[in-house]
Amino acid sequence: MAGFYKSNIDYIVKHAVSADKRRYVDSTEAPHHFFNADHYGKKPWAAMPQKWKDAAAQYTADTLNKYGTVPWTIQYQYYKLVRAFKAHDTIAILNTSANLGHYLADAHVPLHLTQNYNGQLSNQTGIHALWESRIPELFGDKYNYKVGKARYIENPLAEAFKICRASFKSVDTVLRFERILTKSFPADKKYAMVLHGKKEVKDYSEAYCLAYQKMMKGMVERQMRSSILSVGSFWYSAWVDAGQPDLPVGRVSPPDK
């Protein structure tokens, strides 16, 4: 299994962002990436049934789609991956693995679990990209990505909700610490002109990002490590549930296809 994934890593990397690209052409795609837990009251995890049928009966499918469906999307992609393994459909295995990995990673981002997903409700607009993109782009090369062996997941849906619940616990810290830092950090040092591709744009300064990362005590790295282990564990579990089929060793498709 490891040999198959390593041989086709370029394809998976290329298609890891396919789920985001679909948002521009498929109006039903956006809810798959988040779950606004705080819409469902002060104790959303007690209020929300885990099974889709029960949740839709309680809140309506329209409400669930409006406020995000990432835990159910993870479950759906998981069983889609099991079917691809059983069918020995290598391209479907790679595409579904990439999609499942994307949604799992999204569920590890605290701001994907709140209505205030970009700080737009607390005068912190831009915090989403700061946490999810700017900090890992600056410091990700120094993170430790050795997370240990994948484990078998007994209940994919329950595990998806567990991930979301853990991420939601960090929402207050993510937002509150950034507000505190903004008040204490020199206003003229918070932003800088940064080269993105061939363009210089205004973005959070490296000094500000470093200070924020230190305040959060490495939360971004911890969540990235957790997401890596989750992705590997979901892939492994789907393979086990499919009967541990033999997989070809070697690239099954050009990385640009």
Protein backbone atom coordinates (compact mmCIF):
# COMPACT_ATOMS: atom_id res chain seq x y z
CA MET A 1 0.00 0.00 0.00
CA ALA A 2 2.78 2.43 0.93
CA GLY A 3 4.59 1.65 -2.31
CA PHE A 4 1.47 2.39 -4.35
CA TYR A 5 0.90 5.77 -2.69
CA LYS A 6 4.56 6.79 -2.84
CA SER A 7 4.76 5.92 -6.53
CA ASN A 8 1.75 8.11 -7.24
CA ILE A 9 2.43 10.95 -4.82
CA ASP A 10 2.76 13.53 -7.62
CA TYR A 11 -0.76 12.76 -8.84
CA ILE A 12 -2.20 13.00 -5.33
CA VAL A 13 -0.42 16.29 -4.66
CA LYS A 14 -1.73 17.73 -7.92
CA HIS A 15 -5.30 16.69 -7.15
CA ALA A 16 -5.23 17.60 -3.45
CA VAL A 17 -6.69 20.99 -4.44
CA SER A 18 -9.30 19.62 -6.85
CA ALA A 19 -12.01 19.90 -4.20
CA ASP A 20 -11.34 23.65 -3.89
CA LYS A 21 -11.38 24.09 -7.66
CA ARG A 22 -14.80 22.43 -7.85
CA ARG A 23 -16.25 25.23 -5.76
CA TYR A 24 -16.02 27.51 -8.80
CA VAL A 25 -18.05 25.21 -11.05
CA ASP A 26 -20.28 23.28 -8.64
CA SER A 27 -22.64 25.25 -6.39
CA THR A 28 -23.14 22.22 -4.13
CA GLU A 29 -19.43 21.83 -3.32
CA ALA A 30 -18.83 24.62 -0.78
CA PRO A 31 -20.66 23.03 2.21
CA HIS A 32 -18.42 19.96 1.98
CA HIS A 33 -15.48 21.94 3.40
CA PHE A 34 -16.85 23.19 6.73
CA PHE A 35 -19.28 22.69 9.59
CA ASN A 36 -20.49 25.78 11.44
CA ALA A 37 -20.96 24.09 14.79
CA ASP A 38 -21.76 27.31 16.63
CA HIS A 39 -24.95 27.71 14.59
CA TYR A 40 -26.41 24.84 16.61
CA GLY A 41 -26.19 26.48 20.02
CA LYS A 42 -23.82 26.40 22.97
CA LYS A 43 -23.65 22.59 23.02
CA PRO A 44 -23.69 21.72 19.32
CA TRP A 45 -22.17 18.25 19.70
CA ALA A 46 -24.88 17.17 22.11
CA ALA A 47 -27.58 18.68 19.92
CA MET A 48 -26.42 17.28 16.56
CA PRO A 49 -27.20 13.65 15.67
CA GLN A 50 -24.27 12.04 13.91
CA LYS A 51 -26.22 10.05 11.34
CA TRP A 52 -27.24 12.16 8.35
CA LYS A 53 -30.78 10.80 8.29
CA ASP A 54 -31.35 11.75 11.92
CA ALA A 55 -29.68 15.16 11.56
CA ALA A 56 -31.73 15.99 8.45
CA ALA A 57 -34.92 14.94 10.24
CA GLN A 58 -34.09 17.26 13.14
CA TYR A 59 -32.74 20.29 11.24
CA THR A 60 -33.67 19.69 7.54
CA ALA A 61 -31.16 18.88 4.82
CA ASP A 62 -31.27 22.51 3.61
CA THR A 63 -30.06 23.74 7.01
CA LEU A 64 -27.28 21.17 7.13
CA ASN A 65 -26.12 22.14 3.65
CA LYS A 66 -26.23 25.83 4.54
CA TYR A 67 -24.06 25.45 7.64
CA GLY A 68 -21.70 22.79 6.36
CA THR A 69 -21.46 19.04 5.97
CA VAL A 70 -17.76 18.17 6.30
CA PRO A 71 -18.16 15.22 8.74
CA TRP A 72 -20.69 13.53 6.45
CA THR A 73 -18.59 14.37 3.40
CA ILE A 74 -15.64 12.59 5.02
CA GLN A 75 -17.84 9.56 5.65
CA TYR A 76 -19.12 9.58 2.05
CA GLN A 77 -15.62 9.84 0.58
CA TYR A 78 -14.40 7.09 2.89
CA TYR A 79 -16.89 4.53 1.60
CA LYS A 80 -16.30 5.75 -1.94
CA LEU A 81 -12.62 4.92 -1.39
CA VAL A 82 -13.53 1.46 -0.03
CA ARG A 83 -15.51 0.81 -3.23
CA ALA A 84 -12.59 1.99 -5.40
CA PHE A 85 -10.22 -0.38 -3.58
CA LYS A 86 -12.65 -3.27 -4.02
CA ALA A 87 -12.95 -2.49 -7.74
CA HIS A 88 -9.14 -2.24 -8.13
CA ASP A 89 -9.81 1.10 -9.88
CA THR A 90 -6.45 2.76 -9.36
CA ILE A 91 -7.40 6.17 -10.77
CA ALA A 92 -10.54 6.26 -8.60
CA ILE A 93 -8.40 5.26 -5.60
CA LEU A 94 -6.03 8.17 -6.22
CA ASN A 95 -8.74 10.76 -6.92
CA THR A 96 -10.85 9.74 -3.94
CA SER A 97 -7.78 9.58 -1.68
CA ALA A 98 -6.93 13.15 -2.69
CA ASN A 99 -10.49 14.34 -2.04
CA LEU A 100 -10.79 12.53 1.28
CA GLY A 101 -7.45 13.97 2.37
CA HIS A 102 -8.61 17.47 1.48
CA TYR A 103 -11.79 17.28 3.54
CA LEU A 104 -9.97 15.72 6.48
CA ALA A 105 -7.43 18.52 6.42
CA ASP A 106 -10.24 21.09 6.29
CA ALA A 107 -11.79 19.52 9.39
CA HIS A 108 -8.52 20.10 11.26
CA VAL A 109 -8.68 23.87 10.66
CA PRO A 110 -10.54 25.48 13.60
CA LEU A 111 -11.90 28.28 11.41
CA HIS A 112 -13.74 25.69 9.30
CA LEU A 113 -15.88 24.97 12.36
CA THR A 114 -17.32 28.44 12.99
CA GLN A 115 -19.61 30.98 11.37
CA ASN A 116 -16.87 33.54 12.04
CA TYR A 117 -14.67 31.62 9.60
CA ASN A 118 -12.64 34.63 8.42
CA GLY A 119 -12.96 36.88 11.44
CA GLN A 120 -15.56 38.88 9.54
CA LEU A 121 -17.81 39.03 12.62
CA SER A 122 -15.08 40.29 14.96
CA ASN A 123 -13.16 42.79 12.81
CA GLN A 124 -10.42 40.22 12.07
CA THR A 125 -10.98 39.75 8.36
CA GLY A 126 -8.09 37.84 6.83
CA ILE A 127 -7.38 35.56 9.78
CA HIS A 128 -8.36 32.46 7.80
CA ALA A 129 -5.52 32.80 5.30
CA LEU A 130 -3.18 33.88 8.10
CA TRP A 131 -3.76 30.65 10.04
CA GLU A 132 -4.22 28.25 7.14
CA SER A 133 -1.76 29.57 4.54
CA ARG A 134 0.59 32.33 5.62
CA ILE A 135 1.96 30.67 8.78
CA PRO A 136 2.61 27.22 7.24
CA GLU A 137 4.11 28.84 4.13
CA LEU A 138 6.58 30.74 6.31
CA PHE A 139 7.42 28.10 8.90
CA GLY A 140 6.22 24.76 7.52
CA ASP A 141 9.70 23.72 6.39
CA LYS A 142 10.69 23.47 10.05
CA TYR A 143 7.69 21.44 11.19
CA ASN A 144 8.03 17.80 12.22
CA TYR A 145 5.90 15.67 9.92
CA LYS A 146 6.86 12.27 11.31
CA VAL A 147 3.60 11.25 12.95
CA GLY A 148 3.93 7.50 13.37
CA LYS A 149 1.95 4.60 11.97
CA ALA A 150 -1.61 4.79 10.70
CA ARG A 151 -4.26 3.14 12.84
CA TYR A 152 -7.46 1.35 11.95
CA ILE A 153 -10.61 3.46 12.35
CA GLU A 154 -13.61 1.48 13.53
CA ASN A 155 -16.25 4.14 12.85
CA PRO A 156 -15.35 6.72 10.16
CA LEU A 157 -18.33 9.01 10.88
CA ALA A 158 -17.70 9.06 14.63
CA GLU A 159 -14.03 9.77 13.94
CA ALA A 160 -14.95 12.65 11.61
CA PHE A 161 -17.12 14.19 14.33
CA LYS A 162 -14.31 13.67 16.86
CA ILE A 163 -11.92 15.60 14.62
CA CYS A 164 -14.43 18.43 14.15
CA ARG A 165 -15.15 18.59 17.87
CA ALA A 166 -11.44 18.85 18.70
CA SER A 167 -10.91 21.60 16.11
CA PHE A 168 -13.92 23.54 17.38
CA LYS A 169 -12.37 23.69 20.85
CA SER A 170 -9.56 25.81 19.41
CA VAL A 171 -11.77 28.40 17.70
CA ASP A 172 -11.82 30.76 20.69
CA THR A 173 -8.03 30.58 21.07
CA VAL A 174 -7.43 31.26 17.38
CA LEU A 175 -9.59 34.38 17.40
CA ARG A 176 -8.86 35.69 20.89
CA PHE A 177 -5.07 35.44 20.64
CA GLU A 178 -5.06 37.30 17.33
CA ARG A 179 -7.12 40.11 18.86
CA ILE A 180 -4.70 40.33 21.80
CA LEU A 181 -1.67 40.36 19.52
CA THR A 182 -3.13 43.08 17.30
CA LYS A 183 -3.54 45.36 20.33
CA SER A 184 0.06 44.90 21.45
CA PHE A 185 1.86 44.66 18.11
CA PRO A 186 3.10 47.85 16.40
CA ALA A 187 0.44 48.75 13.85
CA ASP A 188 2.99 49.71 11.21
CA LYS A 189 4.73 46.32 11.55
CA LYS A 190 1.67 44.07 11.28
CA TYR A 191 1.64 44.04 7.48
CA ALA A 192 4.32 44.07 4.80
CA MET A 193 4.57 43.89 1.03
CA VAL A 194 5.07 40.22 0.22
CA LEU A 195 5.91 38.55 -3.07
CA HIS A 196 3.21 36.03 -4.05
CA GLY A 197 4.18 34.51 -7.37
CA LYS A 198 5.28 37.48 -9.44
CA LYS A 199 3.15 40.05 -7.60
CA GLU A 200 3.86 42.05 -4.50
CA VAL A 201 0.80 42.22 -2.26
CA LYS A 202 0.04 43.43 1.24
CA ASP A 203 0.09 40.53 3.68
CA TYR A 204 0.81 39.77 7.33
CA SER A 205 4.48 40.41 8.12
CA GLU A 206 6.79 37.57 9.03
CA ALA A 207 7.37 39.09 12.47
CA TYR A 208 3.63 39.22 13.14
CA CYS A 209 3.16 35.63 11.97
CA LEU A 210 6.00 34.43 14.17
CA ALA A 211 4.54 36.21 17.19
CA TYR A 212 1.11 34.71 16.52
CA GLN A 213 2.54 31.23 16.07
CA LYS A 214 4.38 31.51 19.39
CA MET A 215 1.22 32.70 21.15
CA MET A 216 -0.64 29.64 19.89
CA LYS A 217 2.27 27.43 21.01
CA GLY A 218 2.59 25.69 17.65
CA MET A 219 -1.11 24.96 17.09
CA VAL A 220 -0.79 25.07 13.29
CA GLU A 221 1.97 22.46 13.35
CA ARG A 222 0.01 20.26 15.77
CA GLN A 223 -3.09 20.38 13.59
CA MET A 224 -1.06 19.62 10.47
CA ARG A 225 0.51 16.62 12.22
CA SER A 226 -2.89 15.43 13.36
CA SER A 227 -4.34 15.79 9.87
CA ILE A 228 -1.47 13.80 8.35
CA LEU A 229 -2.07 10.92 10.74
CA SER A 230 -5.82 11.09 10.11
CA VAL A 231 -5.42 11.01 6.34
CA GLY A 232 -3.09 8.01 6.52
CA SER A 233 -5.38 6.25 8.96
CA PHE A 234 -8.48 6.79 6.82
CA TRP A 235 -6.67 5.57 3.68
CA TYR A 236 -5.36 2.51 5.53
CA SER A 237 -8.74 1.71 7.09
CA ALA A 238 -10.51 1.94 3.72
CA TRP A 239 -7.97 -0.49 2.28
CA VAL A 240 -8.52 -2.90 5.20
CA ASP A 241 -12.32 -2.63 4.88
CA ALA A 242 -11.97 -3.42 1.17
CA GLY A 243 -10.21 -6.70 2.02
CA GLN A 244 -6.61 -5.48 1.71
CA PRO A 245 -6.43 -5.84 -2.09
CA ASP A 246 -3.07 -6.05 -3.84
CA LEU A 247 -2.04 -2.72 -5.33
CA PRO A 248 0.37 -2.14 -8.21
CA VAL A 249 3.79 -0.76 -7.36
CA GLY A 250 4.66 1.98 -9.82
CA ARG A 251 2.99 5.01 -11.28
CA VAL A 252 -0.43 4.25 -12.72
CA SER A 253 -1.02 7.61 -14.37
CA PRO A 254 1.12 10.56 -15.48
CA PRO A 255 1.11 13.30 -12.81
CA ASP A 256 -0.27 15.87 -15.29
CA LYS A 257 -3.38 13.85 -16.13
